[in-house]
Amino acid sequence: MRASLEFKAKNIDKAVEKASTELNMPKEDLKYEVLSYGSSGIFGLTSAKKAKIRVQLPEDSQPFASSTEISEFESDPTEVIEDAKPPAEVYSGENDIGATENRESQQLYSFPEDPVEIGRLVLQRIVDAITADARITVEQNAERIFFKVNGGNAGILIGKRGQTLDAIQSIVEKVINKHNENRMRVLVDIEGYLETRQENLEKLAMRLAEKSSRTGKPMSLGQMHAYDRRIVHIALKDNPDVQTRSRGEGPLRKLVIFPKKKGFSRR
């Protein structure tokens, strides 16, 4: 019959250190089973889950009442608890390679306090899950945070009509602004795709503006993200023949180009 105690902490290393301190035993003498490696939540958006270990006590020791949880049931603190079945894996000490690797990997899921660095780490994790050998650089000013992704499979990261890139950017922006008191504008670019898209949108805006002015009819560019709408608004803001307006609700509002009536003065 063996007694056991459970310990929780931010990660496995911390849980082992806590057990070592409370039980007054060297780390290398501890025999424990990992119940949970914990997590930082989904990309830092949800609450973190603590790591948990179950430590087997020496046969000549007795469990004691403390803030630490007693394994299985908390009935009598002095009651010896017998496991219903043996644990699948019991880790003993620092020489266990598997335990060391898992404890080291746990560190990858802890986030720094800097919102920009949080965003970079989240972006790196997303990109690494999609393709290999992609590198990320960050440019920041008072108005925006600009992440540049180079390398890897750019086509997969961008997706059809930039839909994958838009989704990635949306996630990173939400993560950064969740951890930042002042809302920041976030852009994610992959292999210069944003610059190419801007050039194409500006050319499209000019063609539709010319057609709207010539036919006297409004021209719709359909549903667009705020970043794309902004490009068109800026491209045509000084055009003397047309004006632009956004219509609809939500993130994918429509942008419409209207011909200016004779004598119209832009407000």
C-alpha atoms as a PDB file:
ATOM      1  CA  MET A   1       0.000   0.000   0.000  1.00  0.00           C
ATOM      2  CA  ARG A   2       1.445   3.336  -1.083  1.00  0.00           C
ATOM      3  CA  ALA A   3       0.305   6.862  -0.291  1.00  0.00           C
ATOM      4  CA  SER A   4       0.395   9.673  -2.828  1.00  0.00           C
ATOM      5  CA  LEU A   5      -0.099  13.423  -2.983  1.00  0.00           C
ATOM      6  CA  GLU A   6      -0.965  15.709  -5.881  1.00  0.00           C
ATOM      7  CA  PHE A   7       0.768  18.999  -6.633  1.00  0.00           C
ATOM      8  CA  LYS A   8      -0.262  21.743  -9.071  1.00  0.00           C
ATOM      9  CA  ALA A   9       1.837  24.534 -10.570  1.00  0.00           C
ATOM     10  CA  LYS A  10       2.350  26.567 -13.740  1.00  0.00           C
ATOM     11  CA  ASN A  11       4.337  23.752 -15.356  1.00  0.00           C
ATOM     12  CA  ILE A  12       5.814  20.365 -14.492  1.00  0.00           C
ATOM     13  CA  ASP A  13       9.139  21.778 -13.292  1.00  0.00           C
ATOM     14  CA  LYS A  14       7.359  24.101 -10.864  1.00  0.00           C
ATOM     15  CA  ALA A  15       5.139  21.278  -9.620  1.00  0.00           C
ATOM     16  CA  VAL A  16       8.181  19.063  -8.981  1.00  0.00           C
ATOM     17  CA  GLU A  17       9.931  21.914  -7.187  1.00  0.00           C
ATOM     18  CA  LYS A  18       6.839  22.500  -5.063  1.00  0.00           C
ATOM     19  CA  ALA A  19       6.619  18.810  -4.162  1.00  0.00           C
ATOM     20  CA  SER A  20      10.318  18.709  -3.297  1.00  0.00           C
ATOM     21  CA  THR A  21       9.969  21.710  -0.981  1.00  0.00           C
ATOM     22  CA  GLU A  22       6.791  20.594   0.787  1.00  0.00           C
ATOM     23  CA  LEU A  23       7.896  16.981   1.203  1.00  0.00           C
ATOM     24  CA  ASN A  24      11.477  17.970   2.060  1.00  0.00           C
ATOM     25  CA  MET A  25      12.819  15.497  -0.487  1.00  0.00           C
ATOM     26  CA  PRO A  26      15.442  15.975  -3.214  1.00  0.00           C
ATOM     27  CA  LYS A  27      13.945  16.235  -6.705  1.00  0.00           C
ATOM     28  CA  GLU A  28      15.873  13.213  -7.929  1.00  0.00           C
ATOM     29  CA  ASP A  29      14.297  11.061  -5.211  1.00  0.00           C
ATOM     30  CA  LEU A  30      10.739  11.939  -6.164  1.00  0.00           C
ATOM     31  CA  LYS A  31       8.666   9.349  -7.995  1.00  0.00           C
ATOM     32  CA  TYR A  32       5.704  10.942  -9.710  1.00  0.00           C
ATOM     33  CA  GLU A  33       3.105  10.498 -12.379  1.00  0.00           C
ATOM     34  CA  VAL A  34       2.227  13.404 -14.669  1.00  0.00           C
ATOM     35  CA  LEU A  35      -1.541  13.913 -14.560  1.00  0.00           C
ATOM     36  CA  SER A  36      -1.624  17.076 -16.692  1.00  0.00           C
ATOM     37  CA  TYR A  37       1.006  19.131 -18.479  1.00  0.00           C
ATOM     38  CA  GLY A  38      -1.215  22.198 -18.309  1.00  0.00           C
ATOM     39  CA  SER A  39      -1.631  24.808 -21.008  1.00  0.00           C
ATOM     40  CA  SER A  40      -1.688  28.557 -21.495  1.00  0.00           C
ATOM     41  CA  GLY A  41      -5.090  28.388 -23.186  1.00  0.00           C
ATOM     42  CA  ILE A  42      -5.824  28.700 -26.887  1.00  0.00           C
ATOM     43  CA  PHE A  43      -3.233  31.185 -28.169  1.00  0.00           C
ATOM     44  CA  GLY A  44      -3.487  33.011 -24.867  1.00  0.00           C
ATOM     45  CA  LEU A  45      -7.186  33.794 -25.406  1.00  0.00           C
ATOM     46  CA  THR A  46      -8.577  31.405 -22.805  1.00  0.00           C
ATOM     47  CA  SER A  47      -7.590  30.831 -19.196  1.00  0.00           C
ATOM     48  CA  ALA A  48      -4.492  28.789 -18.427  1.00  0.00           C
ATOM     49  CA  LYS A  49      -4.626  25.271 -16.996  1.00  0.00           C
ATOM     50  CA  LYS A  50      -2.099  24.271 -14.339  1.00  0.00           C
ATOM     51  CA  ALA A  51       0.173  21.267 -14.612  1.00  0.00           C
ATOM     52  CA  LYS A  52      -0.486  18.489 -12.076  1.00  0.00           C
ATOM     53  CA  ILE A  53       1.632  15.606 -10.796  1.00  0.00           C
ATOM     54  CA  ARG A  54       0.939  12.730  -8.382  1.00  0.00           C
ATOM     55  CA  VAL A  55       3.884  11.954  -6.108  1.00  0.00           C
ATOM     56  CA  GLN A  56       4.260   8.509  -4.562  1.00  0.00           C
ATOM     57  CA  LEU A  57       5.400   8.781  -0.969  1.00  0.00           C
ATOM     58  CA  PRO A  58       7.985   6.462   0.560  1.00  0.00           C
ATOM     59  CA  GLU A  59       6.479   3.427   2.272  1.00  0.00           C
ATOM     60  CA  ASP A  60       7.640   4.538   5.707  1.00  0.00           C
ATOM     61  CA  SER A  61       6.045   7.981   5.436  1.00  0.00           C
ATOM     62  CA  GLN A  62       2.521   9.124   6.250  1.00  0.00           C
ATOM     63  CA  PRO A  63       0.413  11.588   4.275  1.00  0.00           C
ATOM     64  CA  PHE A  64      -0.156  14.857   6.067  1.00  0.00           C
ATOM     65  CA  ALA A  65      -2.865  17.470   5.923  1.00  0.00           C
ATOM     66  CA  SER A  66      -1.843  20.596   4.027  1.00  0.00           C
ATOM     67  CA  SER A  67      -2.981  22.812   1.221  1.00  0.00           C
ATOM     68  CA  THR A  68      -1.809  20.081  -1.149  1.00  0.00           C
ATOM     69  CA  GLU A  69      -4.507  17.826  -2.621  1.00  0.00           C
ATOM     70  CA  ILE A  70      -4.625  14.199  -1.507  1.00  0.00           C
ATOM     71  CA  SER A  71      -4.887  11.749  -4.348  1.00  0.00           C
ATOM     72  CA  GLU A  72      -8.257  10.248  -5.335  1.00  0.00           C
ATOM     73  CA  PHE A  73     -10.334  11.073  -2.218  1.00  0.00           C
ATOM     74  CA  GLU A  74      -9.982  13.544   0.630  1.00  0.00           C
ATOM     75  CA  SER A  75     -11.422  11.594   3.507  1.00  0.00           C
ATOM     76  CA  ASP A  76      -9.117  11.134   6.486  1.00  0.00           C
ATOM     77  CA  PRO A  77      -5.723  12.850   5.996  1.00  0.00           C
ATOM     78  CA  THR A  78      -4.012   9.974   7.765  1.00  0.00           C
ATOM     79  CA  GLU A  79      -5.707   7.305   5.676  1.00  0.00           C
ATOM     80  CA  VAL A  80      -3.371   5.383   3.385  1.00  0.00           C
ATOM     81  CA  ILE A  81      -4.694   5.469  -0.154  1.00  0.00           C
ATOM     82  CA  GLU A  82      -4.374   2.451  -2.376  1.00  0.00           C
ATOM     83  CA  ASP A  83      -4.457   3.080  -6.113  1.00  0.00           C
ATOM     84  CA  ALA A  84      -7.137   1.100  -7.921  1.00  0.00           C
ATOM     85  CA  LYS A  85      -4.660   0.292 -10.666  1.00  0.00           C
ATOM     86  CA  PRO A  86      -0.990   1.094 -11.269  1.00  0.00           C
ATOM     87  CA  PRO A  87      -0.186   4.329 -13.113  1.00  0.00           C
ATOM     88  CA  ALA A  88       0.572   4.070 -16.799  1.00  0.00           C
ATOM     89  CA  GLU A  89       3.869   5.924 -16.399  1.00  0.00           C
ATOM     90  CA  VAL A  90       5.851   6.808 -13.311  1.00  0.00           C
ATOM     91  CA  TYR A  91       8.664   9.322 -13.723  1.00  0.00           C
ATOM     92  CA  SER A  92      11.592   9.190 -11.351  1.00  0.00           C
ATOM     93  CA  GLY A  93      14.134  11.954 -11.271  1.00  0.00           C
ATOM     94  CA  GLU A  94      16.042  14.082 -13.718  1.00  0.00           C
ATOM     95  CA  ASN A  95      17.538  11.176 -15.667  1.00  0.00           C
ATOM     96  CA  ASP A  96      14.255  10.269 -17.335  1.00  0.00           C
ATOM     97  CA  ILE A  97      14.632  11.605 -20.880  1.00  0.00           C
ATOM     98  CA  GLY A  98      10.926  11.566 -21.671  1.00  0.00           C
ATOM     99  CA  ALA A  99      10.083  13.568 -18.586  1.00  0.00           C
ATOM    100  CA  THR A 100      12.822  16.075 -19.308  1.00  0.00           C
ATOM    101  CA  GLU A 101      11.656  16.586 -22.879  1.00  0.00           C
ATOM    102  CA  ASN A 102       8.044  17.074 -21.797  1.00  0.00           C
ATOM    103  CA  ARG A 103       9.019  19.505 -19.080  1.00  0.00           C
ATOM    104  CA  GLU A 104      11.105  21.480 -21.531  1.00  0.00           C
ATOM    105  CA  SER A 105       8.300  21.539 -24.097  1.00  0.00           C
ATOM    106  CA  GLN A 106       5.990  22.937 -21.440  1.00  0.00           C
ATOM    107  CA  GLN A 107       8.018  26.131 -21.456  1.00  0.00           C
ATOM    108  CA  LEU A 108       6.971  26.746 -25.065  1.00  0.00           C
ATOM    109  CA  TYR A 109       3.427  27.440 -23.939  1.00  0.00           C
ATOM    110  CA  SER A 110       4.192  30.236 -21.486  1.00  0.00           C
ATOM    111  CA  PHE A 111       3.651  33.743 -22.824  1.00  0.00           C
ATOM    112  CA  PRO A 112       5.622  36.918 -22.089  1.00  0.00           C
ATOM    113  CA  GLU A 113       3.973  40.103 -20.836  1.00  0.00           C
ATOM    114  CA  ASP A 114       4.720  42.185 -23.960  1.00  0.00           C
ATOM    115  CA  PRO A 115       1.607  42.092 -26.230  1.00  0.00           C
ATOM    116  CA  VAL A 116       3.747  42.399 -29.373  1.00  0.00           C
ATOM    117  CA  GLU A 117       5.911  39.449 -28.354  1.00  0.00           C
ATOM    118  CA  ILE A 118       2.764  37.488 -27.504  1.00  0.00           C
ATOM    119  CA  GLY A 119       1.486  38.208 -31.015  1.00  0.00           C
ATOM    120  CA  ARG A 120       4.769  37.136 -32.571  1.00  0.00           C
ATOM    121  CA  LEU A 121       4.813  33.848 -30.651  1.00  0.00           C
ATOM    122  CA  VAL A 122       1.194  33.102 -31.563  1.00  0.00           C
ATOM    123  CA  LEU A 123       1.867  33.905 -35.220  1.00  0.00           C
ATOM    124  CA  GLN A 124       4.961  31.680 -35.190  1.00  0.00           C
ATOM    125  CA  ARG A 125       2.967  28.793 -33.732  1.00  0.00           C
ATOM    126  CA  ILE A 126       0.226  29.167 -36.360  1.00  0.00           C
ATOM    127  CA  VAL A 127       2.720  29.411 -39.211  1.00  0.00           C
ATOM    128  CA  ASP A 128       4.771  26.451 -37.945  1.00  0.00           C
ATOM    129  CA  ALA A 129       1.604  24.353 -37.842  1.00  0.00           C
ATOM    130  CA  ILE A 130       0.994  25.093 -41.537  1.00  0.00           C
ATOM    131  CA  THR A 131       4.459  25.147 -43.081  1.00  0.00           C
ATOM    132  CA  ALA A 132       8.140  24.859 -42.174  1.00  0.00           C
ATOM    133  CA  ASP A 133      11.113  27.232 -42.291  1.00  0.00           C
ATOM    134  CA  ALA A 134       9.097  30.465 -42.090  1.00  0.00           C
ATOM    135  CA  ARG A 135      10.724  33.470 -40.409  1.00  0.00           C
ATOM    136  CA  ILE A 136       8.921  36.376 -38.759  1.00  0.00           C
ATOM    137  CA  THR A 137      10.112  39.953 -38.307  1.00  0.00           C
ATOM    138  CA  VAL A 138       8.257  42.769 -36.553  1.00  0.00           C
ATOM    139  CA  GLU A 139       8.000  46.488 -37.302  1.00  0.00           C
ATOM    140  CA  GLN A 140       6.137  48.734 -34.882  1.00  0.00           C
ATOM    141  CA  ASN A 141       5.204  52.395 -34.671  1.00  0.00           C
ATOM    142  CA  ALA A 142       2.583  54.437 -32.835  1.00  0.00           C
ATOM    143  CA  GLU A 143      -0.148  53.487 -35.325  1.00  0.00           C
ATOM    144  CA  ARG A 144       0.358  49.801 -36.074  1.00  0.00           C
ATOM    145  CA  ILE A 145       2.217  46.543 -35.552  1.00  0.00           C
ATOM    146  CA  PHE A 146       3.452  45.003 -38.784  1.00  0.00           C
ATOM    147  CA  PHE A 147       4.475  41.325 -38.907  1.00  0.00           C
ATOM    148  CA  LYS A 148       6.368  40.112 -41.986  1.00  0.00           C
ATOM    149  CA  VAL A 149       6.509  36.397 -42.759  1.00  0.00           C
ATOM    150  CA  ASN A 150       9.168  35.129 -45.165  1.00  0.00           C
ATOM    151  CA  GLY A 151       9.989  31.582 -46.213  1.00  0.00           C
ATOM    152  CA  GLY A 152       7.882  28.466 -46.042  1.00  0.00           C
ATOM    153  CA  ASN A 153       4.948  27.773 -48.364  1.00  0.00           C
ATOM    154  CA  ALA A 154       3.590  31.289 -48.964  1.00  0.00           C
ATOM    155  CA  GLY A 155       0.724  30.039 -51.161  1.00  0.00           C
ATOM    156  CA  ILE A 156      -0.762  27.920 -48.373  1.00  0.00           C
ATOM    157  CA  LEU A 157      -0.315  30.681 -45.797  1.00  0.00           C
ATOM    158  CA  ILE A 158      -2.016  33.259 -48.029  1.00  0.00           C
ATOM    159  CA  GLY A 159      -4.832  30.990 -49.238  1.00  0.00           C
ATOM    160  CA  LYS A 160      -7.417  31.664 -51.925  1.00  0.00           C
ATOM    161  CA  ARG A 161      -7.827  35.437 -52.371  1.00  0.00           C
ATOM    162  CA  GLY A 162      -5.904  35.953 -49.154  1.00  0.00           C
ATOM    163  CA  GLN A 163      -8.556  34.264 -46.986  1.00  0.00           C
ATOM    164  CA  THR A 164      -6.083  32.241 -44.894  1.00  0.00           C
ATOM    165  CA  LEU A 165      -3.903  35.300 -44.360  1.00  0.00           C
ATOM    166  CA  ASP A 166      -6.954  37.334 -43.305  1.00  0.00           C
ATOM    167  CA  ALA A 167      -7.912  34.645 -40.768  1.00  0.00           C
ATOM    168  CA  ILE A 168      -4.361  34.494 -39.366  1.00  0.00           C
ATOM    169  CA  GLN A 169      -4.232  38.280 -39.064  1.00  0.00           C
ATOM    170  CA  SER A 170      -7.596  38.333 -37.289  1.00  0.00           C
ATOM    171  CA  ILE A 171      -6.398  35.811 -34.669  1.00  0.00           C
ATOM    172  CA  VAL A 172      -3.121  37.651 -34.029  1.00  0.00           C
ATOM    173  CA  GLU A 173      -4.923  40.989 -33.745  1.00  0.00           C
ATOM    174  CA  LYS A 174      -7.398  39.583 -31.204  1.00  0.00           C
ATOM    175  CA  VAL A 175      -4.590  38.084 -29.116  1.00  0.00           C
ATOM    176  CA  ILE A 176      -2.557  41.311 -29.067  1.00  0.00           C
ATOM    177  CA  ASN A 177      -5.490  43.578 -28.238  1.00  0.00           C
ATOM    178  CA  LYS A 178      -6.706  41.187 -25.542  1.00  0.00           C
ATOM    179  CA  HIS A 179      -3.383  41.696 -23.740  1.00  0.00           C
ATOM    180  CA  ASN A 180      -3.003  45.405 -24.577  1.00  0.00           C
ATOM    181  CA  GLU A 181      -4.750  48.315 -22.867  1.00  0.00           C
ATOM    182  CA  ASN A 182      -4.601  50.502 -25.986  1.00  0.00           C
ATOM    183  CA  ARG A 183      -6.049  48.915 -29.121  1.00  0.00           C
ATOM    184  CA  MET A 184      -3.448  48.561 -31.876  1.00  0.00           C
ATOM    185  CA  ARG A 185      -3.862  48.077 -35.619  1.00  0.00           C
ATOM    186  CA  VAL A 186      -2.216  44.799 -36.622  1.00  0.00           C
ATOM    187  CA  LEU A 187      -1.067  43.771 -40.093  1.00  0.00           C
ATOM    188  CA  VAL A 188       0.396  40.436 -41.154  1.00  0.00           C
ATOM    189  CA  ASP A 189       2.163  40.252 -44.514  1.00  0.00           C
ATOM    190  CA  ILE A 190       3.465  37.139 -46.249  1.00  0.00           C
ATOM    191  CA  GLU A 191       6.223  37.496 -48.854  1.00  0.00           C
ATOM    192  CA  GLY A 192       5.062  41.026 -49.794  1.00  0.00           C
ATOM    193  CA  TYR A 193       1.503  39.926 -50.590  1.00  0.00           C
ATOM    194  CA  LEU A 194      -0.072  43.017 -48.994  1.00  0.00           C
ATOM    195  CA  GLU A 195       1.878  45.341 -51.272  1.00  0.00           C
ATOM    196  CA  THR A 196       0.780  43.390 -54.344  1.00  0.00           C
ATOM    197  CA  ARG A 197      -2.834  43.367 -53.158  1.00  0.00           C
ATOM    198  CA  GLN A 198      -2.707  47.111 -52.537  1.00  0.00           C
ATOM    199  CA  GLU A 199      -1.459  47.765 -56.068  1.00  0.00           C
ATOM    200  CA  ASN A 200      -4.191  45.561 -57.555  1.00  0.00           C
ATOM    201  CA  LEU A 201      -6.904  47.222 -55.470  1.00  0.00           C
ATOM    202  CA  GLU A 202      -5.728  50.701 -56.462  1.00  0.00           C
ATOM    203  CA  LYS A 203      -5.828  49.746 -60.150  1.00  0.00           C
ATOM    204  CA  LEU A 204      -9.300  48.229 -59.734  1.00  0.00           C
ATOM    205  CA  ALA A 205     -10.496  51.339 -57.902  1.00  0.00           C
ATOM    206  CA  MET A 206      -9.279  53.584 -60.724  1.00  0.00           C
ATOM    207  CA  ARG A 207     -10.993  51.465 -63.396  1.00  0.00           C
ATOM    208  CA  LEU A 208     -14.307  51.397 -61.543  1.00  0.00           C
ATOM    209  CA  ALA A 209     -14.091  55.104 -60.767  1.00  0.00           C
ATOM    210  CA  GLU A 210     -13.627  55.887 -64.459  1.00  0.00           C
ATOM    211  CA  LYS A 211     -16.577  53.622 -65.360  1.00  0.00           C
ATOM    212  CA  SER A 212     -18.792  55.144 -62.661  1.00  0.00           C
ATOM    213  CA  SER A 213     -17.999  58.659 -63.860  1.00  0.00           C
ATOM    214  CA  ARG A 214     -18.585  57.720 -67.506  1.00  0.00           C
ATOM    215  CA  THR A 215     -21.881  55.849 -67.015  1.00  0.00           C
ATOM    216  CA  GLY A 216     -23.224  57.919 -64.134  1.00  0.00           C
ATOM    217  CA  LYS A 217     -23.919  54.720 -62.163  1.00  0.00           C
ATOM    218  CA  PRO A 218     -22.553  53.543 -58.806  1.00  0.00           C
ATOM    219  CA  MET A 219     -20.059  50.674 -58.807  1.00  0.00           C
ATOM    220  CA  SER A 220     -19.808  48.173 -55.946  1.00  0.00           C
ATOM    221  CA  LEU A 221     -16.650  46.351 -54.985  1.00  0.00           C
ATOM    222  CA  GLY A 222     -18.666  43.938 -52.828  1.00  0.00           C
ATOM    223  CA  GLN A 223     -17.772  42.831 -49.319  1.00  0.00           C
ATOM    224  CA  MET A 224     -14.291  43.841 -48.225  1.00  0.00           C
ATOM    225  CA  HIS A 225     -12.164  43.836 -45.107  1.00  0.00           C
ATOM    226  CA  ALA A 226     -11.512  47.165 -43.411  1.00  0.00           C
ATOM    227  CA  TYR A 227      -7.881  47.159 -44.597  1.00  0.00           C
ATOM    228  CA  ASP A 228      -8.930  46.762 -48.249  1.00  0.00           C
ATOM    229  CA  ARG A 229     -11.698  49.367 -47.973  1.00  0.00           C
ATOM    230  CA  ARG A 230      -9.195  51.819 -46.567  1.00  0.00           C
ATOM    231  CA  ILE A 231      -6.921  51.300 -49.574  1.00  0.00           C
ATOM    232  CA  VAL A 232      -9.767  52.153 -51.985  1.00  0.00           C
ATOM    233  CA  HIS A 233     -10.942  55.144 -49.939  1.00  0.00           C
ATOM    234  CA  ILE A 234      -7.421  56.607 -49.921  1.00  0.00           C
ATOM    235  CA  ALA A 235      -6.865  55.866 -53.620  1.00  0.00           C
ATOM    236  CA  LEU A 236      -9.990  57.807 -54.633  1.00  0.00           C
ATOM    237  CA  LYS A 237     -10.208  60.474 -51.941  1.00  0.00           C
ATOM    238  CA  ASP A 238      -8.854  63.210 -54.272  1.00  0.00           C
ATOM    239  CA  ASN A 239     -10.698  61.999 -57.389  1.00  0.00           C
ATOM    240  CA  PRO A 240     -12.853  64.930 -58.562  1.00  0.00           C
ATOM    241  CA  ASP A 241     -15.394  62.709 -60.354  1.00  0.00           C
ATOM    242  CA  VAL A 242     -16.370  60.115 -57.720  1.00  0.00           C
ATOM    243  CA  GLN A 243     -16.864  59.571 -54.031  1.00  0.00           C
ATOM    244  CA  THR A 244     -16.659  56.369 -51.954  1.00  0.00           C
ATOM    245  CA  ARG A 245     -18.905  55.067 -49.193  1.00  0.00           C
ATOM    246  CA  SER A 246     -18.993  51.935 -47.051  1.00  0.00           C
ATOM    247  CA  ARG A 247     -22.353  50.244 -46.611  1.00  0.00           C
ATOM    248  CA  GLY A 248     -23.614  47.425 -44.429  1.00  0.00           C
ATOM    249  CA  GLU A 249     -22.628  46.104 -41.027  1.00  0.00           C
ATOM    250  CA  GLY A 250     -19.896  43.882 -39.665  1.00  0.00           C
ATOM    251  CA  PRO A 251     -16.263  43.386 -40.667  1.00  0.00           C
ATOM    252  CA  LEU A 252     -17.118  42.652 -44.329  1.00  0.00           C
ATOM    253  CA  ARG A 253     -18.944  45.827 -45.277  1.00  0.00           C
ATOM    254  CA  LYS A 254     -19.459  46.734 -48.925  1.00  0.00           C
ATOM    255  CA  LEU A 255     -17.670  49.597 -50.594  1.00  0.00           C
ATOM    256  CA  VAL A 256     -19.522  51.561 -53.290  1.00  0.00           C
ATOM    257  CA  ILE A 257     -18.136  54.151 -55.723  1.00  0.00           C
ATOM    258  CA  PHE A 258     -20.639  56.892 -56.628  1.00  0.00           C
ATOM    259  CA  PRO A 259     -20.352  59.435 -59.449  1.00  0.00           C
ATOM    260  CA  LYS A 260     -20.317  63.012 -58.203  1.00  0.00           C
ATOM    261  CA  LYS A 261     -23.163  65.171 -59.384  1.00  0.00           C
ATOM    262  CA  LYS A 262     -22.403  68.451 -61.034  1.00  0.00           C
ATOM    263  CA  GLY A 263     -21.778  71.068 -58.401  1.00  0.00           C
ATOM    264  CA  PHE A 264     -21.220  68.457 -55.673  1.00  0.00           C
ATOM    265  CA  SER A 265     -18.790  69.549 -53.011  1.00  0.00           C
ATOM    266  CA  ARG A 266     -17.119  66.869 -50.884  1.00  0.00           C
ATOM    267  CA  ARG A 267     -17.675  67.333 -47.166  1.00  0.00           C
END
